[in-house]
Amino acid sequence: MTLTPPLRWAIAFGLFLALSAGVALLCVYEKTQDDLVLEGSHLQSATSIRVTADFNQIEKAFSDKNIRYRAFADLDDAGAVRAMAVGTAADLDLPIHAPLGELTPESTGALVGSGVKVSSSARGPIFNHEGREYPVVGYLGRSDKSLLSNDVVILDRALLTKHDSHLVLDGPHIAKRYLDLVGPDAVDIDSRSTSRRTNLDVISPILTSMSTIVLFFGAATISILVSRSTLVRNHALILIGRTPFQTWSLTLAEVLLPLLVAIAIGLVCCWSIVPAAIGHSVMLFLGLYTSAIAGFVLTVVATRKAKP
């Protein structure tokens, strides 16, 4: 059956839209797994480290180099109440099921679990710590029955300065970043975050990597199929005077136009469902685009080599 341009466009759009939906689902899955890991490990990732250091020095050094980090300090013996400071807005991407306002790295307030007792005031719920009142800026956990229901995290840099004899630092490549500042003898791995890991840390990266490969391979395959479906048409156009460049340009447009529309829809879905993962989703969609271009190029090269 010969595919007309509208039918070819509709088929390509449907297939690319399915891949875009797969990217959106992958972003939702990764965000969910990240939140589950943080919930199960006291808001610490597997890369967190325990250090004995001056928080002011760490803050200045990390800020100068725009290093992402979270810094925690225990405010009670049980570790249920902690002070926290972050380097960038991205470091505030924590499992919070009921935010009460926009959080920034300079925000002052308390993130509390649903089981924590708070006071009421005209400004909203208040958490009291050592005589100081902190406005509740959000509730920890993916739901009110979270493992963090009895935890409190106070966003207050002054508390970190006051209790900085033992800090927990967390963030991408945080151990290397800190070692670059102070040398190799100042870091102990924080056992609380590394000894309570689950198979999510092993299985999830494998699943996400395999899913990403499948999505990229699918984009390349769809591109090849669409490109090959235009070979007869392109040959006819060349016979009536079109150049190969013109015919292949038309084919490329028939590949990229439905793909770009599908990507736009996928980006809107990702932004509306998982706003925090929009940066990662852009990279995945860029991978789909690159894979589709690769499929088109492979078709062009294979067709030229097949000519007598």
Protein backbone atom coordinates (compact mmCIF):
# COMPACT_ATOMS: atom_id res chain seq x y z
CA MET A 1 0.00 0.00 0.00
CA THR A 2 1.30 3.44 -0.97
CA LEU A 3 1.18 5.91 1.87
CA THR A 4 -0.14 9.35 1.05
CA PRO A 5 1.63 12.27 2.78
CA PRO A 6 -1.27 12.90 5.21
CA LEU A 7 -1.45 9.21 6.15
CA ARG A 8 2.32 9.03 6.51
CA TRP A 9 2.27 12.13 8.74
CA ALA A 10 -0.55 10.71 10.88
CA ILE A 11 1.22 7.37 11.38
CA ALA A 12 4.52 9.05 12.21
CA PHE A 13 2.82 11.47 14.60
CA GLY A 14 1.02 8.63 16.40
CA LEU A 15 4.22 6.64 16.84
CA PHE A 16 6.27 9.64 17.95
CA LEU A 17 3.48 10.68 20.34
CA ALA A 18 3.66 7.22 21.90
CA LEU A 19 7.40 7.72 22.45
CA SER A 20 6.76 11.16 23.97
CA ALA A 21 4.28 9.57 26.35
CA GLY A 22 6.98 7.06 27.23
CA VAL A 23 9.38 9.90 28.08
CA ALA A 24 6.75 11.52 30.30
CA LEU A 25 6.11 8.24 32.10
CA LEU A 26 9.84 7.70 32.54
CA CYS A 27 10.20 11.14 34.14
CA VAL A 28 7.31 10.42 36.50
CA TYR A 29 8.85 7.05 37.39
CA GLU A 30 12.28 8.57 38.10
CA LYS A 31 10.80 11.35 40.24
CA THR A 32 8.74 8.81 42.21
CA GLN A 33 11.76 6.59 42.81
CA ASP A 34 13.88 9.55 43.89
CA ASP A 35 11.22 10.61 46.39
CA LEU A 36 10.87 7.06 47.75
CA VAL A 37 14.64 6.81 48.25
CA LEU A 38 14.74 10.15 50.09
CA GLU A 39 11.78 9.18 52.27
CA GLY A 40 13.39 5.91 53.23
CA SER A 41 16.77 7.39 54.05
CA HIS A 42 16.02 10.44 56.19
CA LEU A 43 16.07 12.80 53.19
CA GLN A 44 19.62 11.74 52.37
CA SER A 45 20.86 10.18 49.15
CA ALA A 46 23.42 7.40 48.89
CA THR A 47 26.13 9.97 48.21
CA SER A 48 25.76 11.90 51.50
CA ILE A 49 28.75 12.27 53.80
CA ARG A 50 29.25 13.20 57.45
CA VAL A 51 31.86 15.87 58.17
CA THR A 52 33.19 17.93 61.04
CA ALA A 53 33.53 21.41 59.64
CA ASP A 54 32.66 25.08 59.88
CA PHE A 55 29.43 25.63 57.95
CA ASN A 56 30.24 29.24 57.11
CA GLN A 57 33.44 28.18 55.36
CA ILE A 58 31.64 25.41 53.46
CA GLU A 59 28.84 27.75 52.43
CA LYS A 60 31.23 30.38 51.13
CA ALA A 61 33.40 27.90 49.24
CA PHE A 62 30.43 26.11 47.66
CA SER A 63 28.66 29.37 46.81
CA ASP A 64 31.74 30.76 45.09
CA LYS A 65 31.83 27.70 42.81
CA ASN A 66 28.02 27.41 42.48
CA ILE A 67 28.11 23.87 43.88
CA ARG A 68 24.81 22.15 44.61
CA TYR A 69 24.49 20.86 48.16
CA ARG A 70 22.23 20.20 51.12
CA ALA A 71 23.67 20.61 54.60
CA PHE A 72 21.99 19.06 57.65
CA ALA A 73 22.69 19.38 61.37
CA ASP A 74 20.88 17.43 64.11
CA LEU A 75 19.06 19.61 66.62
CA ASP A 76 18.06 16.75 68.95
CA ASP A 77 19.55 13.44 70.04
CA ALA A 78 17.14 11.38 67.94
CA GLY A 79 17.84 13.25 64.72
CA ALA A 80 14.13 13.89 64.16
CA VAL A 81 14.60 17.66 64.21
CA ARG A 82 17.29 19.00 61.90
CA ALA A 83 18.45 22.28 60.44
CA MET A 84 19.01 22.44 56.71
CA ALA A 85 20.52 24.84 54.18
CA VAL A 86 20.76 24.39 50.43
CA GLY A 87 22.90 25.82 47.68
CA THR A 88 20.39 26.19 44.85
CA ALA A 89 16.65 26.00 44.25
CA ALA A 90 17.15 22.56 42.66
CA ASP A 91 18.36 21.25 46.03
CA LEU A 92 14.90 21.96 47.48
CA ASP A 93 13.46 19.19 45.31
CA LEU A 94 12.33 17.11 48.29
CA PRO A 95 9.27 14.90 48.81
CA ILE A 96 6.72 17.51 49.97
CA HIS A 97 3.06 16.66 49.57
CA ALA A 98 1.57 19.94 50.79
CA PRO A 99 3.72 23.01 50.10
CA LEU A 100 2.44 26.18 51.76
CA GLY A 101 4.45 28.65 49.70
CA GLU A 102 7.30 29.05 47.28
CA LEU A 103 10.60 27.86 48.69
CA THR A 104 13.94 29.46 47.86
CA PRO A 105 17.46 28.80 49.19
CA GLU A 106 17.03 31.89 51.39
CA SER A 107 13.66 30.82 52.84
CA THR A 108 13.28 30.56 56.61
CA GLY A 109 10.68 28.16 57.96
CA ALA A 110 9.94 24.59 58.93
CA LEU A 111 9.13 21.54 56.84
CA VAL A 112 7.24 19.18 59.13
CA GLY A 113 5.78 15.71 58.96
CA SER A 114 2.04 15.26 59.27
CA GLY A 115 2.45 13.77 62.76
CA VAL A 116 4.34 16.74 64.19
CA LYS A 117 2.47 19.02 66.57
CA VAL A 118 2.32 22.61 65.38
CA SER A 119 0.68 25.76 66.74
CA SER A 120 -1.88 27.89 64.95
CA SER A 121 -1.53 31.59 64.31
CA ALA A 122 -3.02 34.26 62.12
CA ARG A 123 -0.18 33.64 59.64
CA GLY A 124 -0.78 29.89 59.56
CA PRO A 125 0.76 26.87 61.30
CA ILE A 126 3.85 27.51 63.43
CA PHE A 127 6.58 25.17 64.67
CA ASN A 128 8.31 26.22 67.89
CA HIS A 129 11.98 25.37 68.42
CA GLU A 130 13.84 26.60 71.49
CA GLY A 131 11.49 29.51 71.91
CA ARG A 132 11.60 30.65 68.30
CA GLU A 133 8.60 30.35 66.05
CA TYR A 134 9.09 29.11 62.50
CA PRO A 135 6.27 29.29 59.95
CA VAL A 136 5.44 25.89 58.47
CA VAL A 137 6.29 26.14 54.77
CA GLY A 138 5.38 22.59 53.79
CA TYR A 139 4.62 19.04 54.91
CA LEU A 140 7.22 16.35 54.34
CA GLY A 141 6.60 13.12 52.47
CA ARG A 142 4.69 12.00 49.43
CA SER A 143 1.58 11.68 51.60
CA ASP A 144 0.44 12.28 55.17
CA LYS A 145 1.34 8.66 56.01
CA SER A 146 4.96 9.09 54.96
CA LEU A 147 7.98 7.67 56.77
CA LEU A 148 8.83 11.32 57.41
CA SER A 149 5.63 11.98 59.35
CA ASN A 150 7.56 12.64 62.59
CA ASP A 151 10.46 14.55 61.06
CA VAL A 152 11.12 18.28 61.13
CA VAL A 153 13.52 20.16 58.89
CA ILE A 154 14.12 23.79 59.78
CA LEU A 155 15.39 26.06 57.03
CA ASP A 156 17.64 28.38 59.00
CA ARG A 157 21.31 28.92 58.22
CA ALA A 158 21.92 30.42 61.66
CA LEU A 159 21.07 27.07 63.27
CA LEU A 160 23.59 25.31 61.07
CA THR A 161 26.27 27.75 62.16
CA LYS A 162 25.33 27.13 65.79
CA HIS A 163 25.32 23.31 65.49
CA ASP A 164 28.02 22.77 62.89
CA SER A 165 30.30 20.42 64.82
CA HIS A 166 28.84 17.49 62.87
CA LEU A 167 27.24 18.13 59.49
CA VAL A 168 25.80 15.88 56.85
CA LEU A 169 26.45 17.10 53.31
CA ASP A 170 24.50 15.77 50.36
CA GLY A 171 24.45 16.49 46.66
CA PRO A 172 25.86 15.39 43.31
CA HIS A 173 29.49 14.23 43.72
CA ILE A 174 29.50 15.89 47.14
CA ALA A 175 32.38 13.82 48.53
CA LYS A 176 34.69 14.84 45.67
CA ARG A 177 33.59 18.46 45.95
CA TYR A 178 34.33 18.51 49.66
CA LEU A 179 37.63 16.64 49.30
CA ASP A 180 38.76 19.24 46.79
CA LEU A 181 38.28 21.84 49.52
CA VAL A 182 39.72 20.20 52.64
CA GLY A 183 41.80 17.19 51.63
CA PRO A 184 41.31 13.42 51.88
CA ASP A 185 41.48 13.01 55.67
CA ALA A 186 38.42 15.05 56.62
CA VAL A 187 35.54 12.92 55.33
CA ASP A 188 33.71 9.94 56.82
CA ILE A 189 30.92 8.36 54.82
CA ASP A 190 27.63 8.84 56.61
CA SER A 191 26.50 5.31 57.45
CA ARG A 192 22.89 6.34 58.09
CA SER A 193 22.32 6.98 54.40
CA THR A 194 24.38 4.12 52.99
CA SER A 195 23.35 1.29 55.30
CA ARG A 196 19.61 1.61 54.66
CA ARG A 197 19.66 1.39 50.89
CA THR A 198 17.12 -0.66 48.97
CA ASN A 199 17.15 -2.42 45.65
CA LEU A 200 15.76 0.82 44.17
CA ASP A 201 19.34 2.10 44.09
CA VAL A 202 20.44 -0.86 41.97
CA ILE A 203 17.38 -1.72 39.91
CA SER A 204 16.03 1.73 39.10
CA PRO A 205 19.12 3.00 37.24
CA ILE A 206 19.15 -0.20 35.17
CA LEU A 207 15.45 0.11 34.34
CA THR A 208 15.70 3.77 33.45
CA SER A 209 18.80 3.22 31.31
CA MET A 210 17.17 0.35 29.41
CA SER A 211 13.98 2.35 28.95
CA THR A 212 15.94 5.30 27.61
CA ILE A 213 17.75 3.06 25.11
CA VAL A 214 14.44 1.57 23.96
CA LEU A 215 12.94 5.04 23.46
CA PHE A 216 15.94 6.28 21.45
CA PHE A 217 16.04 3.09 19.37
CA GLY A 218 12.31 3.46 18.74
CA ALA A 219 12.76 7.03 17.48
CA ALA A 220 15.53 5.92 15.10
CA THR A 221 13.44 2.98 13.85
CA ILE A 222 10.36 5.14 13.20
CA SER A 223 12.54 7.63 11.35
CA ILE A 224 13.99 4.88 9.16
CA LEU A 225 10.54 3.46 8.37
CA VAL A 226 9.11 6.86 7.49
CA SER A 227 12.15 7.74 5.39
CA ARG A 228 12.05 4.45 3.48
CA SER A 229 8.35 4.86 2.78
CA THR A 230 9.21 7.95 0.68
CA LEU A 231 11.79 6.26 -1.59
CA VAL A 232 9.37 5.54 -4.44
CA ARG A 233 7.94 9.04 -4.26
CA ASN A 234 11.41 10.57 -4.19
CA HIS A 235 12.48 8.55 -7.24
CA ALA A 236 9.44 9.81 -9.15
CA LEU A 237 10.19 13.40 -8.16
CA ILE A 238 13.78 13.05 -9.40
CA LEU A 239 12.48 11.80 -12.76
CA ILE A 240 10.44 14.98 -13.21
CA GLY A 241 13.35 17.27 -12.40
CA ARG A 242 13.69 17.55 -8.62
CA THR A 243 17.18 17.24 -7.16
CA PRO A 244 18.06 14.56 -4.58
CA PHE A 245 18.63 17.33 -2.05
CA GLN A 246 15.07 18.62 -2.55
CA THR A 247 13.51 15.17 -2.24
CA TRP A 248 15.46 14.24 0.88
CA SER A 249 14.65 17.62 2.42
CA LEU A 250 10.97 16.85 1.91
CA THR A 251 11.48 13.46 3.58
CA LEU A 252 13.29 15.05 6.51
CA ALA A 253 10.40 17.47 6.99
CA GLU A 254 7.97 14.55 7.06
CA VAL A 255 10.06 12.97 9.81
CA LEU A 256 10.73 16.03 11.94
CA LEU A 257 7.39 17.86 11.76
CA PRO A 258 5.33 15.15 13.51
CA LEU A 259 8.22 14.51 15.90
CA LEU A 260 8.46 18.16 16.96
CA VAL A 261 4.69 18.37 17.50
CA ALA A 262 4.80 15.20 19.61
CA ILE A 263 7.78 16.54 21.59
CA ALA A 264 5.96 19.81 22.28
CA ILE A 265 2.96 17.90 23.63
CA GLY A 266 5.26 15.68 25.71
CA LEU A 267 7.07 18.67 27.22
CA VAL A 268 3.80 20.28 28.24
CA CYS A 269 2.71 17.01 29.88
CA CYS A 270 6.03 16.65 31.74
CA TRP A 271 5.92 20.25 32.93
CA SER A 272 2.35 19.90 34.20
CA ILE A 273 2.87 16.51 35.90
CA VAL A 274 6.47 16.71 37.17
CA PRO A 275 7.68 20.35 37.00
CA ALA A 276 10.88 19.52 38.87
CA ALA A 277 11.93 17.06 36.16
CA ILE A 278 11.53 19.43 33.21
CA GLY A 279 15.30 19.79 32.75
CA HIS A 280 15.79 16.03 32.56
CA SER A 281 12.81 15.62 30.22
CA VAL A 282 14.29 18.21 27.83
CA MET A 283 17.46 16.11 27.63
CA LEU A 284 15.43 12.97 26.91
CA PHE A 285 13.42 14.70 24.19
CA LEU A 286 16.66 16.02 22.70
CA GLY A 287 17.81 12.41 22.61
CA LEU A 288 14.64 11.42 20.70
CA TYR A 289 15.28 14.22 18.21
CA THR A 290 18.91 13.20 17.73
CA SER A 291 17.95 9.54 17.30
CA ALA A 292 15.38 10.44 14.64
CA ILE A 293 18.00 12.47 12.75
CA ALA A 294 20.38 9.51 12.99
CA GLY A 295 17.73 7.20 11.54
CA PHE A 296 17.17 9.56 8.63
CA VAL A 297 20.91 9.85 7.94
CA LEU A 298 21.30 6.06 8.01
CA THR A 299 18.51 5.75 5.44
CA VAL A 300 20.12 8.30 3.14
CA VAL A 301 23.52 6.62 3.39
CA ALA A 302 22.09 3.12 2.85
CA THR A 303 20.08 4.28 -0.17
CA ARG A 304 23.06 5.90 -1.83
CA LYS A 305 25.22 2.81 -1.27
CA ALA A 306 22.48 0.59 -2.74
CA LYS A 307 22.51 2.47 -6.05
CA PRO A 308 24.35 0.66 -8.90
